[in-house]
Every structure is written in C-alpha cells, then in structure tokens.
Amino acid sequence: MNAAPDNRLAPPWPHPLLAGLRLGRAGLVAVAAFTLLGPAHGAWLLATRGRPSPFTCLFHRLVVAAMGITVTVRGGRPRDNALLVANHLGWFDILALGAVVPATFVAKSDVRQWPVLGWMARLQPTVFIERGRRGTIAAQVAALRKALNGGHVAMFPEGTTGDGSAVLPFRPALFAAAEGFAVQPVAIGYRERKAGAWGACGLQAWVWDGDKPFGTHFVRAIACGGAHCTIEFLPRPEAVARKQLAETCRDAIAASLCL
C-alpha cells in the first residue's frame, strides 16, 4: 500500500456539524451505558466466574445504535454453547455480533493495547492469543475449551480483516477447541444506509483492513452515518477433522455473502 493515504479508501467526511453530532452522540451513549451497566456487569462476572454477560450484550446494542449501525439477524441464534466462526471486516464486527449474542471473543494479544476497543475487550470476557507462535496453540485451545464450557465463543479464523471482496482462508488450528461442541458459521455483511455515503470505493472504504490508521478510521466510520449490518447464523456443518471443518465454514460464509 502506498505511504500516502488514499482518501477514496475511507468514508468521506460529512458536514462538520453533522459529524460532531454523530460523534458526540456515540460518545455520550457509550459513557452513559458504561456508567449504568458497569456495576451489574462486574457483579455478573464475579458471580459466574467470567461467563459471557447479558449486560455486555446490552452495552453493545446501545453503542451500535448510537453509531448508526442497524443490525438484522437471519437464521436461528445458537441455544447451546457453540464456537461461532465469522468473516472479519473490521473492529465493528465485534460490536455488531456482541449486540445479538453474548459471547467470549477471541482476539490477538496486541488488541489489549488498542485505544477504546482494547479497553472494552479487557472489560468483557476475551481470550487473547498470540498468533504465529505454534508452541502456544495447545494452551490457546485449552483456554477456548474452558470458555466454551461457560457459553458461546466467537472468533474470526481469517486471522485478519479483509476488504469485503472475498472471505480469506480460515486458519484451522483453533478449531481443535470445538471437539464436543457445536460449530456455527456466521456471515457478517454491511451495506450503506444511504447511497454514496461511503464514497467511490463503497464497502472498501467502510471496512478496516488493518493498513488504515485505526484512530482516523474509527472516527470517520462513526461520523459518516453508520451502516446496515446483516448477521446470518448458517447451518452447522457435520463434525469432521478441523482442517475440513475450517474450509467448510469458510465456503458456507462465502456462499452466503455471494463471494
């Protein structure tokens, strides 16, 4: 990617007053929701020893709505403890998915240090893993299995975010944690609330592919007016070896998104 930023690959700035109102609304709702729900959330985590909290789910719903993201759910939400595996388009996937199902999320270890989202990840049940260190996979699988005993676990097996043009290959290693549990593929898609709101590059402008500066993209995505998000819980595949399971889930999600 070129060193100089390409403004086509970011949501365009709206009128400064409108941008300020949208950013202010999101900030005020987040602070108010945390103030009201934080004590109950903390008590829940202590009482249940870290099970996914319904208060986190409610917090996500409030923040997502304040950001201008509307969420439509398709398919049956899982009732039994399940490993939810989804495609990954950006930091907002966690907020949107967390708004519809309480889950422990899997995140790479450096997310701990991210502004805003790192702080939020530490407050809710999150399993932090170090990607690329094969010697730690057994411990990571054990941590995921422990979390699955307490509720749903959501992970993004692509290992990175894409630009929305394809679903990247799923890394199979952590699928080993699903032995004895259901695996639920989840397709996440976005579209503009208003035609042209994302600029000439459309979805590529909205998604966060990791090469874009996080802080700037975070602010601009909220300021541009949000998105329509569709979360589809797809049929569960048969229990097979983890590599085949990863491929089957990836193919099902790609087919759902017509990619």
Protein backbone atom coordinates (compact mmCIF):
# COMPACT_ATOMS: atom_id res chain seq x y z
CA MET A 1 0.00 0.00 0.00
CA ASN A 2 1.25 3.50 -0.79
CA ALA A 3 2.69 5.51 2.06
CA ALA A 4 0.40 8.43 1.24
CA PRO A 5 -3.17 7.89 2.47
CA ASP A 6 -5.81 7.32 -0.21
CA ASN A 7 -8.90 9.25 0.83
CA ARG A 8 -11.00 7.19 -1.55
CA LEU A 9 -10.47 4.27 0.83
CA ALA A 10 -12.13 5.98 3.80
CA PRO A 11 -15.69 7.17 4.39
CA PRO A 12 -15.98 10.82 3.32
CA TRP A 13 -16.32 13.46 6.00
CA PRO A 14 -19.87 14.84 6.26
CA HIS A 15 -20.62 18.42 7.23
CA PRO A 16 -18.57 19.24 10.36
CA LEU A 17 -21.68 19.97 12.43
CA LEU A 18 -23.28 16.64 11.47
CA ALA A 19 -20.04 14.78 12.12
CA GLY A 20 -19.76 16.42 15.53
CA LEU A 21 -23.32 15.49 16.45
CA ARG A 22 -22.82 11.86 15.46
CA LEU A 23 -19.53 11.57 17.32
CA GLY A 24 -20.94 13.30 20.36
CA ARG A 25 -23.98 11.02 20.42
CA ALA A 26 -21.84 7.89 20.24
CA GLY A 27 -19.53 9.13 22.98
CA LEU A 28 -22.30 10.17 25.34
CA VAL A 29 -24.20 6.89 24.89
CA ALA A 30 -21.05 4.83 25.48
CA VAL A 31 -20.21 6.71 28.69
CA ALA A 32 -23.80 6.59 29.97
CA ALA A 33 -24.20 2.89 29.14
CA PHE A 34 -20.93 2.00 30.85
CA THR A 35 -21.86 4.04 33.93
CA LEU A 36 -25.27 2.37 34.23
CA LEU A 37 -24.32 -1.18 33.25
CA GLY A 38 -20.74 -1.40 34.53
CA PRO A 39 -21.54 -2.31 38.16
CA ALA A 40 -24.05 -5.00 37.15
CA HIS A 41 -21.59 -6.37 34.58
CA GLY A 42 -18.81 -6.57 37.16
CA ALA A 43 -21.07 -8.32 39.66
CA TRP A 44 -22.13 -10.82 36.98
CA LEU A 45 -18.52 -11.68 36.12
CA LEU A 46 -17.68 -12.24 39.79
CA ALA A 47 -20.76 -14.35 40.43
CA THR A 48 -20.35 -16.52 37.30
CA ARG A 49 -16.54 -16.63 37.17
CA GLY A 50 -16.35 -14.89 33.82
CA ARG A 51 -19.32 -16.25 31.86
CA PRO A 52 -20.48 -14.01 28.96
CA SER A 53 -22.57 -11.21 30.41
CA PRO A 54 -26.02 -10.11 29.18
CA PHE A 55 -25.04 -6.61 30.28
CA THR A 56 -22.20 -6.63 27.74
CA CYS A 57 -24.73 -7.61 25.08
CA LEU A 58 -26.96 -4.69 26.06
CA PHE A 59 -23.97 -2.34 26.10
CA HIS A 60 -23.10 -3.40 22.54
CA ARG A 61 -26.68 -2.83 21.39
CA LEU A 62 -26.71 0.70 22.77
CA VAL A 63 -23.32 1.61 21.31
CA VAL A 64 -24.10 0.08 17.90
CA ALA A 65 -27.36 2.02 17.73
CA ALA A 66 -25.61 5.24 18.76
CA MET A 67 -23.06 4.68 15.99
CA GLY A 68 -25.85 4.47 13.44
CA ILE A 69 -25.44 0.74 12.75
CA THR A 70 -28.70 -1.19 12.35
CA VAL A 71 -28.42 -4.96 12.74
CA THR A 72 -30.63 -7.56 11.05
CA VAL A 73 -30.37 -11.17 12.23
CA ARG A 74 -31.08 -14.12 9.98
CA GLY A 75 -31.14 -17.78 10.95
CA GLY A 76 -31.52 -19.28 14.39
CA ARG A 77 -29.30 -17.97 17.15
CA PRO A 78 -27.45 -20.75 18.97
CA ARG A 79 -29.01 -22.02 22.19
CA ASP A 80 -26.32 -24.48 23.29
CA ASN A 81 -22.71 -23.47 23.85
CA ALA A 82 -21.16 -23.06 20.40
CA LEU A 83 -17.99 -21.92 18.70
CA LEU A 84 -19.10 -19.06 16.44
CA VAL A 85 -16.80 -18.56 13.45
CA ALA A 86 -17.29 -15.46 11.30
CA ASN A 87 -15.71 -13.48 8.49
CA HIS A 88 -13.94 -10.32 9.60
CA LEU A 89 -14.30 -6.85 8.06
CA GLY A 90 -13.32 -4.54 10.90
CA TRP A 91 -13.43 -3.57 14.55
CA PHE A 92 -17.20 -3.01 14.33
CA ASP A 93 -17.81 -6.77 13.77
CA ILE A 94 -17.25 -7.36 17.48
CA LEU A 95 -19.75 -4.67 18.46
CA ALA A 96 -22.39 -5.90 15.99
CA LEU A 97 -22.03 -9.62 16.80
CA GLY A 98 -21.80 -8.89 20.51
CA ALA A 99 -25.07 -6.98 20.25
CA VAL A 100 -27.03 -10.07 19.16
CA VAL A 101 -25.43 -12.92 21.12
CA PRO A 102 -23.49 -12.93 24.41
CA ALA A 103 -20.09 -14.48 23.76
CA THR A 104 -16.48 -14.63 24.81
CA PHE A 105 -14.43 -13.21 21.96
CA VAL A 106 -11.07 -14.40 20.70
CA ALA A 107 -8.64 -11.57 19.91
CA LYS A 108 -4.97 -11.27 19.10
CA SER A 109 -2.85 -10.20 22.04
CA ASP A 110 -1.96 -6.74 20.74
CA VAL A 111 -5.65 -5.74 20.83
CA ARG A 112 -5.11 -5.21 24.57
CA GLN A 113 -3.19 -2.02 23.72
CA TRP A 114 -5.67 -0.57 21.23
CA PRO A 115 -7.34 2.69 22.24
CA VAL A 116 -11.03 2.35 23.21
CA LEU A 117 -11.56 -1.18 21.83
CA GLY A 118 -8.66 -2.66 23.79
CA TRP A 119 -10.13 -1.25 26.97
CA MET A 120 -13.55 -2.66 26.07
CA ALA A 121 -12.05 -6.07 25.24
CA ARG A 122 -10.42 -6.25 28.66
CA LEU A 123 -13.73 -5.47 30.37
CA GLN A 124 -15.67 -8.28 28.74
CA PRO A 125 -14.65 -11.96 28.57
CA THR A 126 -11.91 -12.15 25.93
CA VAL A 127 -9.36 -14.85 25.19
CA PHE A 128 -6.20 -13.13 23.98
CA ILE A 129 -3.95 -15.24 21.77
CA GLU A 130 -0.52 -14.73 20.21
CA ARG A 131 -0.78 -15.56 16.52
CA GLY A 132 2.19 -17.16 14.83
CA ARG A 133 3.52 -18.87 17.96
CA ARG A 134 2.86 -22.55 17.33
CA GLY A 135 4.22 -23.55 20.73
CA THR A 136 1.29 -21.83 22.43
CA ILE A 137 -1.53 -23.45 20.39
CA ALA A 138 -2.22 -26.17 22.97
CA ALA A 139 -2.65 -23.55 25.70
CA GLN A 140 -4.85 -21.45 23.41
CA VAL A 141 -7.07 -24.43 22.60
CA ALA A 142 -7.36 -25.22 26.32
CA ALA A 143 -8.35 -21.60 27.04
CA LEU A 144 -11.04 -21.71 24.35
CA ARG A 145 -12.43 -25.02 25.64
CA LYS A 146 -12.62 -23.56 29.13
CA ALA A 147 -14.52 -20.56 27.75
CA LEU A 148 -16.85 -22.84 25.76
CA ASN A 149 -17.82 -24.60 28.95
CA GLY A 150 -19.18 -21.25 30.12
CA GLY A 151 -21.00 -20.09 26.99
CA HIS A 152 -20.55 -19.13 23.35
CA VAL A 153 -17.11 -18.29 21.99
CA ALA A 154 -16.76 -16.10 18.87
CA MET A 155 -13.64 -16.00 16.72
CA PHE A 156 -12.57 -14.70 13.31
CA PRO A 157 -10.48 -17.52 11.77
CA GLU A 158 -9.20 -15.44 8.85
CA GLY A 159 -6.73 -14.06 11.37
CA THR A 160 -7.02 -10.58 9.88
CA THR A 161 -9.56 -8.25 8.31
CA GLY A 162 -10.38 -8.24 4.60
CA ASP A 163 -11.68 -5.62 2.18
CA GLY A 164 -15.02 -7.36 1.63
CA SER A 165 -14.19 -8.69 -1.83
CA ALA A 166 -13.52 -12.24 -0.60
CA VAL A 167 -13.51 -14.41 2.50
CA LEU A 168 -9.89 -15.29 3.25
CA PRO A 169 -8.86 -18.88 4.10
CA PHE A 170 -9.69 -19.89 7.68
CA ARG A 171 -6.83 -20.90 9.94
CA PRO A 172 -7.74 -24.35 11.29
CA ALA A 173 -5.61 -24.63 14.44
CA LEU A 174 -8.14 -23.26 16.96
CA PHE A 175 -10.98 -25.36 15.51
CA ALA A 176 -9.49 -28.13 17.66
CA ALA A 177 -11.18 -26.46 20.62
CA ALA A 178 -14.60 -27.35 19.19
CA GLU A 179 -14.34 -31.09 19.89
CA GLY A 180 -17.55 -31.97 21.72
CA PHE A 181 -19.12 -28.57 20.95
CA ALA A 182 -21.16 -27.24 18.05
CA VAL A 183 -19.52 -25.04 15.41
CA GLN A 184 -21.73 -22.27 13.99
CA PRO A 185 -20.66 -20.39 10.85
CA VAL A 186 -21.73 -16.73 10.92
CA ALA A 187 -21.80 -14.48 7.85
CA ILE A 188 -21.42 -10.74 8.51
CA GLY A 189 -22.21 -8.23 5.77
CA TYR A 190 -22.63 -4.45 5.52
CA ARG A 191 -24.28 -2.01 3.17
CA GLU A 192 -24.72 1.76 3.14
CA ARG A 193 -27.61 3.39 4.95
CA LYS A 194 -27.72 5.98 2.16
CA ALA A 195 -26.41 5.55 -1.39
CA GLY A 196 -22.99 7.14 -1.78
CA ALA A 197 -22.39 7.54 1.96
CA TRP A 198 -19.16 5.54 1.74
CA GLY A 199 -17.73 7.33 -1.27
CA ALA A 200 -16.48 5.99 -4.58
CA CYS A 201 -14.93 2.82 -3.16
CA GLY A 202 -18.07 1.69 -1.37
CA LEU A 203 -17.55 -1.22 1.04
CA GLN A 204 -13.76 -0.97 0.72
CA ALA A 205 -13.99 2.50 2.27
CA TRP A 206 -16.13 1.31 5.19
CA VAL A 207 -14.16 -1.79 6.18
CA TRP A 208 -11.00 -1.57 8.27
CA ASP A 209 -8.34 -3.73 6.65
CA GLY A 210 -5.62 -3.15 9.23
CA ASP A 211 -3.49 -0.96 6.95
CA LYS A 212 -5.67 2.08 7.61
CA PRO A 213 -4.83 4.18 10.69
CA PHE A 214 -7.17 2.88 13.39
CA GLY A 215 -7.94 6.18 15.12
CA THR A 216 -8.80 8.04 11.92
CA HIS A 217 -10.93 5.22 10.58
CA PHE A 218 -12.73 4.81 13.91
CA VAL A 219 -13.75 8.47 13.95
CA ARG A 220 -14.66 8.68 10.26
CA ALA A 221 -16.77 5.50 10.33
CA ILE A 222 -18.91 6.93 13.11
CA ALA A 223 -19.05 10.40 11.55
CA CYS A 224 -20.18 9.10 8.14
CA GLY A 225 -23.50 7.86 9.50
CA GLY A 226 -23.14 4.14 10.11
CA ALA A 227 -24.34 1.17 8.09
CA HIS A 228 -26.86 -1.62 7.74
CA CYS A 229 -25.36 -4.86 9.11
CA THR A 230 -26.72 -8.34 8.42
CA ILE A 231 -25.66 -11.22 10.67
CA GLU A 232 -26.68 -14.65 9.40
CA PHE A 233 -26.35 -17.78 11.53
CA LEU A 234 -25.77 -20.54 8.98
CA PRO A 235 -26.49 -24.29 9.25
CA ARG A 236 -23.98 -26.16 11.34
CA PRO A 237 -21.60 -28.49 9.49
CA GLU A 238 -21.09 -32.12 10.42
CA ALA A 239 -18.27 -32.86 12.85
CA VAL A 240 -15.15 -33.55 10.75
CA ALA A 241 -11.41 -33.00 11.02
CA ARG A 242 -10.53 -29.43 11.90
CA LYS A 243 -8.97 -28.53 8.52
CA GLN A 244 -12.03 -29.71 6.62
CA LEU A 245 -14.26 -28.03 9.19
CA ALA A 246 -12.45 -24.72 8.66
CA GLU A 247 -12.81 -24.99 4.88
CA THR A 248 -16.49 -25.96 5.10
CA CYS A 249 -17.30 -23.00 7.36
CA ARG A 250 -15.35 -20.60 5.16
CA ASP A 251 -17.10 -21.83 2.00
CA ALA A 252 -20.55 -21.57 3.62
CA ILE A 253 -19.92 -17.97 4.66
CA ALA A 254 -18.57 -17.02 1.24
CA ALA A 255 -21.61 -18.57 -0.45
CA SER A 256 -23.96 -16.68 1.88
CA LEU A 257 -22.22 -13.40 1.02
CA CYS A 258 -22.12 -14.31 -2.71
CA LEU A 259 -18.33 -14.02 -2.79
